[in-house]
Amino acid sequence: MQGTSALPLKLSGDQKPIVSFRDVTKSYGSLVVLDELNLDIAAGETVTIIGPSGSGKTTVLRVLMTLDPINDGCIYVDGQPLTHMERNGRLVPADQKHIRTKRSDIGICFQHFNLFPHMTALENCMEGPVQVLKLTKSEARDRCIELLEMVGVLEKKDQHPSRLSGGQQQRVAIARALAMRPKVMLFDEVTSALDPEVIGEVTQVIRKLVAEHNLTMLLVTHQMGFARDISDRVCFFYRGKIEEQGSPSELFLNPTKERTQQFLRAVKEAD
């Protein structure tokens, strides 16, 4: 990761972004996956990323979660650098201690749940708050019971993942992420591994988070109906950049860029 001379992001007013990508580049060898990406996400906003395979969608989530390092630029969370830290008035690549501290502001749900198979649903949710946040087991249990009830699987709290349906496992995974009290939630194709009849279970939970909890959310999906229903803003990615963005009605009903139009026609024909 290259250093940068940029100073911490200056934020003011009601529209301050809680997440900011500033000229972020990510490459694997000669393959550029994110190409000087600039993206701001406001507090409480739900932004969905769509686009063809290889356009950089999931990479946005991976670098924001610091699962992959960036090659250039800087990512900020709540006005403070995530991928860098300040030293002598300059930003330098962050060390692991800084990354661990800042990453606690971000939660993620993956396509394949990633629950611990040897733990019950409740134990899965409690593990992070106890081990990372240093809550007592009683405090963590109370928090996680409330969250499992919110996502509709409290009656499954003593079941292991193997005894849960795909939709139930994904709802437990959402509760587990929320137990860490993140400022930003990331969802990576959370309905893709589910049978069609249970997709509605998970989408209803995410809609409830939008409606009742004012979470900031960044989602990647290939399901256009889901993106249309849940988003404040939709970003169409192409070749590592935002080709076009706007409200769901703007992007889906009146796309202005030819590449966006081609993609939406192809998706519609595939459906």
Protein backbone atom coordinates (compact mmCIF):
# COMPACT_ATOMS: atom_id res chain seq x y z
CA MET A 1 0.00 0.00 0.00
CA GLN A 2 1.38 3.36 -0.93
CA GLY A 3 1.61 6.28 1.48
CA THR A 4 -0.26 9.50 0.94
CA SER A 5 0.26 13.09 2.01
CA ALA A 6 -3.46 13.74 2.37
CA LEU A 7 -4.70 15.02 5.74
CA PRO A 8 -7.77 13.61 7.55
CA LEU A 9 -11.04 14.28 5.81
CA LYS A 10 -12.69 17.57 6.80
CA LEU A 11 -16.38 17.13 7.48
CA SER A 12 -19.03 19.67 8.32
CA GLY A 13 -22.75 20.21 8.03
CA ASP A 14 -25.63 17.75 7.97
CA GLN A 15 -24.47 15.88 4.87
CA LYS A 16 -21.18 14.58 6.19
CA PRO A 17 -20.38 11.12 4.83
CA ILE A 18 -19.89 8.30 7.27
CA VAL A 19 -17.95 6.37 4.61
CA SER A 20 -15.68 7.98 2.01
CA PHE A 21 -13.55 6.43 -0.69
CA ARG A 22 -10.97 8.91 -1.97
CA ASP A 23 -9.19 7.92 -5.20
CA VAL A 24 -9.09 4.30 -4.06
CA THR A 25 -7.25 1.91 -6.35
CA LYS A 26 -7.09 -1.84 -5.88
CA SER A 27 -5.27 -4.11 -8.29
CA TYR A 28 -4.15 -7.71 -8.45
CA GLY A 29 -0.99 -7.66 -10.50
CA SER A 30 -1.85 -5.93 -13.77
CA LEU A 31 -5.60 -6.31 -13.20
CA VAL A 32 -7.11 -3.07 -11.88
CA VAL A 33 -10.30 -3.91 -9.96
CA LEU A 34 -11.01 -0.48 -8.43
CA ASP A 35 -9.81 2.47 -10.50
CA GLU A 36 -9.42 5.68 -8.45
CA LEU A 37 -12.84 5.16 -6.90
CA ASN A 38 -14.58 8.11 -5.21
CA LEU A 39 -17.72 7.31 -3.24
CA ASP A 40 -19.43 8.99 -0.28
CA ILE A 41 -22.15 7.37 1.83
CA ALA A 42 -24.15 9.52 4.23
CA ALA A 43 -25.12 8.43 7.73
CA GLY A 44 -28.39 6.50 7.58
CA GLU A 45 -28.20 6.02 3.82
CA THR A 46 -28.76 2.66 2.11
CA VAL A 47 -26.60 2.31 -1.00
CA THR A 48 -26.73 -0.70 -3.29
CA ILE A 49 -24.03 -1.62 -5.79
CA ILE A 50 -24.99 -3.46 -8.97
CA GLY A 51 -23.03 -4.34 -12.08
CA PRO A 52 -21.63 -7.18 -14.17
CA SER A 53 -19.25 -9.80 -12.83
CA GLY A 54 -15.74 -8.43 -12.45
CA SER A 55 -16.85 -4.81 -12.14
CA GLY A 56 -15.43 -4.42 -8.62
CA LYS A 57 -18.64 -4.71 -6.58
CA THR A 58 -17.54 -7.16 -3.92
CA THR A 59 -14.05 -5.66 -3.82
CA VAL A 60 -15.61 -2.44 -2.50
CA LEU A 61 -16.88 -4.36 0.52
CA ARG A 62 -13.66 -6.32 0.98
CA VAL A 63 -11.42 -3.24 1.08
CA LEU A 64 -13.87 -1.40 3.35
CA MET A 65 -13.79 -4.36 5.73
CA THR A 66 -9.95 -4.31 5.38
CA LEU A 67 -9.99 -7.92 4.21
CA ASP A 68 -7.90 -6.79 1.23
CA PRO A 69 -5.39 -3.89 1.31
CA ILE A 70 -5.74 -1.06 -1.18
CA ASN A 71 -2.91 0.02 -3.46
CA ASP A 72 -3.55 3.76 -3.42
CA GLY A 73 -5.96 6.39 -2.13
CA CYS A 74 -7.62 6.34 1.29
CA ILE A 75 -10.84 5.12 2.89
CA TYR A 76 -12.43 7.10 5.74
CA VAL A 77 -15.05 6.00 8.29
CA ASP A 78 -16.85 8.68 10.28
CA GLY A 79 -14.30 11.28 9.19
CA GLN A 80 -11.26 9.32 10.31
CA PRO A 81 -8.90 7.36 8.06
CA LEU A 82 -9.43 3.60 8.09
CA THR A 83 -6.70 2.41 5.78
CA HIS A 84 -4.20 5.01 7.00
CA MET A 85 -3.23 6.75 10.21
CA GLU A 86 -1.80 10.19 10.91
CA ARG A 87 1.88 10.54 11.74
CA ASN A 88 3.69 13.89 11.85
CA GLY A 89 0.91 15.63 9.93
CA ARG A 90 0.82 13.03 7.16
CA LEU A 91 -1.21 9.93 6.50
CA VAL A 92 0.78 6.72 6.33
CA PRO A 93 -0.47 3.14 5.82
CA ALA A 94 -2.22 1.96 8.98
CA ASP A 95 -0.78 -0.69 11.25
CA GLN A 96 -2.86 -3.65 12.42
CA LYS A 97 -3.72 -2.07 15.77
CA HIS A 98 -5.25 0.97 14.06
CA ILE A 99 -7.13 -1.22 11.58
CA ARG A 100 -8.57 -3.45 14.33
CA THR A 101 -9.81 -0.41 16.24
CA LYS A 102 -11.47 1.28 13.27
CA ARG A 103 -12.84 -1.94 11.78
CA SER A 104 -15.04 -2.36 14.86
CA ASP A 105 -17.27 0.34 13.36
CA ILE A 106 -18.14 -1.97 10.45
CA GLY A 107 -20.22 -5.14 10.35
CA ILE A 108 -20.58 -7.53 7.44
CA CYS A 109 -22.88 -10.36 6.40
CA PHE A 110 -21.56 -12.73 3.78
CA GLN A 111 -23.32 -14.80 1.16
CA HIS A 112 -22.49 -18.06 2.95
CA PHE A 113 -23.30 -17.11 6.57
CA ASN A 114 -19.93 -18.20 8.07
CA LEU A 115 -21.48 -19.25 11.38
CA PHE A 116 -19.41 -21.34 13.79
CA PRO A 117 -20.83 -24.87 13.39
CA HIS A 118 -19.98 -25.98 16.95
CA MET A 119 -21.87 -23.06 18.55
CA THR A 120 -25.58 -22.47 18.98
CA ALA A 121 -27.25 -19.46 17.39
CA LEU A 122 -27.03 -17.56 20.67
CA GLU A 123 -23.39 -18.53 21.23
CA ASN A 124 -22.53 -17.39 17.69
CA CYS A 125 -23.98 -13.98 18.46
CA MET A 126 -22.33 -13.68 21.88
CA GLU A 127 -18.80 -14.60 20.79
CA GLY A 128 -17.83 -11.20 19.35
CA PRO A 129 -19.25 -9.01 22.13
CA VAL A 130 -17.56 -11.17 24.79
CA GLN A 131 -14.18 -11.70 23.10
CA VAL A 132 -13.78 -8.36 21.29
CA LEU A 133 -15.97 -5.84 23.12
CA LYS A 134 -15.25 -7.46 26.50
CA LEU A 135 -18.90 -7.53 27.57
CA THR A 136 -19.81 -9.89 30.39
CA LYS A 137 -21.62 -13.02 29.29
CA SER A 138 -24.77 -11.71 30.93
CA GLU A 139 -24.56 -8.39 29.07
CA ALA A 140 -23.83 -10.13 25.78
CA ARG A 141 -26.67 -12.61 26.30
CA ASP A 142 -29.20 -9.84 26.95
CA ARG A 143 -28.07 -7.94 23.85
CA CYS A 144 -28.12 -11.01 21.63
CA ILE A 145 -31.49 -12.26 22.88
CA GLU A 146 -32.96 -8.91 21.87
CA LEU A 147 -31.36 -9.09 18.42
CA LEU A 148 -32.40 -12.67 17.75
CA GLU A 149 -35.94 -11.68 18.63
CA MET A 150 -35.73 -8.70 16.29
CA VAL A 151 -34.69 -10.86 13.33
CA GLY A 152 -37.33 -13.46 14.14
CA VAL A 153 -35.30 -16.50 15.24
CA LEU A 154 -35.33 -16.27 19.04
CA GLU A 155 -36.99 -19.69 19.29
CA LYS A 156 -33.90 -21.13 17.52
CA LYS A 157 -31.38 -19.64 19.96
CA ASP A 158 -30.26 -23.04 21.30
CA GLN A 159 -29.99 -24.71 17.88
CA HIS A 160 -26.72 -25.28 16.01
CA PRO A 161 -26.43 -24.00 12.42
CA SER A 162 -26.86 -27.49 10.97
CA ARG A 163 -30.38 -27.53 12.43
CA LEU A 164 -31.33 -24.20 10.84
CA SER A 165 -32.62 -23.41 7.37
CA GLY A 166 -30.60 -21.15 5.10
CA GLY A 167 -32.89 -18.22 5.81
CA GLN A 168 -32.62 -18.79 9.54
CA GLN A 169 -28.83 -19.02 9.36
CA GLN A 170 -28.65 -15.75 7.45
CA ARG A 171 -30.86 -14.03 10.02
CA VAL A 172 -28.60 -15.29 12.82
CA ALA A 173 -25.62 -13.94 10.87
CA ILE A 174 -27.30 -10.53 10.68
CA ALA A 175 -27.97 -10.58 14.44
CA ARG A 176 -24.35 -11.59 15.08
CA ALA A 177 -23.07 -8.63 13.05
CA LEU A 178 -25.45 -6.21 14.75
CA ALA A 179 -24.35 -7.44 18.19
CA MET A 180 -21.07 -5.60 17.62
CA ARG A 181 -23.02 -2.30 17.35
CA PRO A 182 -21.45 -1.25 14.02
CA LYS A 183 -21.94 2.18 12.51
CA VAL A 184 -22.01 0.69 9.01
CA MET A 185 -23.44 -2.65 7.84
CA LEU A 186 -22.23 -4.39 4.70
CA PHE A 187 -24.25 -7.07 2.91
CA ASP A 188 -22.53 -9.18 0.25
CA GLU A 189 -25.10 -11.02 -1.88
CA VAL A 190 -26.91 -12.10 1.27
CA THR A 191 -29.82 -13.67 -0.61
CA SER A 192 -27.82 -15.44 -3.33
CA ALA A 193 -27.28 -18.73 -1.46
CA LEU A 194 -30.92 -18.99 -0.38
CA ASP A 195 -33.80 -20.89 -1.88
CA PRO A 196 -36.35 -18.56 -3.51
CA GLU A 197 -39.02 -19.30 -0.92
CA VAL A 198 -36.85 -18.09 1.98
CA ILE A 199 -35.34 -15.01 0.33
CA GLY A 200 -38.33 -13.05 1.62
CA GLU A 201 -37.39 -13.89 5.22
CA VAL A 202 -34.05 -12.14 4.92
CA THR A 203 -35.23 -9.20 2.81
CA GLN A 204 -37.93 -8.49 5.40
CA VAL A 205 -35.29 -8.31 8.14
CA ILE A 206 -33.17 -5.90 6.12
CA ARG A 207 -36.23 -3.76 5.34
CA LYS A 208 -36.94 -3.66 9.08
CA LEU A 209 -33.41 -2.44 9.75
CA VAL A 210 -33.91 0.30 7.16
CA ALA A 211 -37.29 1.34 8.53
CA GLU A 212 -36.67 1.15 12.27
CA HIS A 213 -32.97 1.43 13.02
CA ASN A 214 -31.56 4.06 10.65
CA LEU A 215 -28.45 1.99 9.98
CA THR A 216 -26.02 3.00 7.28
CA MET A 217 -25.91 0.13 4.82
CA LEU A 218 -23.90 -0.78 1.76
CA LEU A 219 -25.17 -3.77 -0.20
CA VAL A 220 -23.99 -5.75 -3.21
CA THR A 221 -26.67 -7.70 -5.05
CA HIS A 222 -27.58 -9.08 -8.44
CA GLN A 223 -31.31 -8.98 -7.60
CA MET A 224 -32.65 -5.82 -9.16
CA GLY A 225 -36.04 -5.98 -7.43
CA PHE A 226 -34.33 -6.09 -4.05
CA ALA A 227 -32.09 -3.15 -4.99
CA ARG A 228 -35.07 -1.17 -6.24
CA ASP A 229 -37.12 -1.75 -3.09
CA ILE A 230 -34.53 -1.16 -0.41
CA SER A 231 -32.13 1.50 -1.66
CA ASP A 232 -31.85 5.23 -1.26
CA ARG A 233 -29.24 5.19 -4.01
CA VAL A 234 -28.09 2.63 -6.54
CA CYS A 235 -24.57 2.68 -8.03
CA PHE A 236 -23.88 0.85 -11.28
CA PHE A 237 -20.25 -0.28 -11.37
CA TYR A 238 -18.31 -0.94 -14.55
CA ARG A 239 -14.58 -1.58 -14.84
CA GLY A 240 -13.85 -0.53 -11.28
CA LYS A 241 -15.67 2.79 -11.38
CA ILE A 242 -19.14 4.16 -10.82
CA GLU A 243 -20.53 4.40 -14.34
CA GLU A 244 -23.85 5.83 -13.18
CA GLN A 245 -25.72 6.39 -9.92
CA GLY A 246 -29.03 7.78 -8.75
CA SER A 247 -32.23 6.96 -6.92
CA PRO A 248 -33.78 3.58 -7.80
CA SER A 249 -36.43 5.28 -9.94
CA GLU A 250 -33.81 7.31 -11.80
CA LEU A 251 -31.43 4.44 -12.43
CA PHE A 252 -33.92 1.70 -13.25
CA LEU A 253 -36.50 3.76 -15.16
CA ASN A 254 -34.31 6.32 -16.90
CA PRO A 255 -30.65 5.26 -17.10
CA THR A 256 -28.60 7.73 -19.14
CA LYS A 257 -25.41 5.74 -19.84
CA GLU A 258 -25.37 3.18 -22.63
CA ARG A 259 -23.51 0.59 -20.54
CA THR A 260 -26.12 0.85 -17.77
CA GLN A 261 -28.91 0.42 -20.30
CA GLN A 262 -27.22 -2.66 -21.76
CA PHE A 263 -26.78 -4.24 -18.33
CA LEU A 264 -30.38 -3.64 -17.25
CA ARG A 265 -31.71 -5.01 -20.57
CA ALA A 266 -29.60 -8.15 -20.13
CA VAL A 267 -30.80 -8.64 -16.56
CA LYS A 268 -34.42 -8.19 -17.62
CA GLU A 269 -34.04 -10.72 -20.44
CA ALA A 270 -32.41 -13.23 -18.07
CA ASP A 271 -35.36 -12.93 -15.69
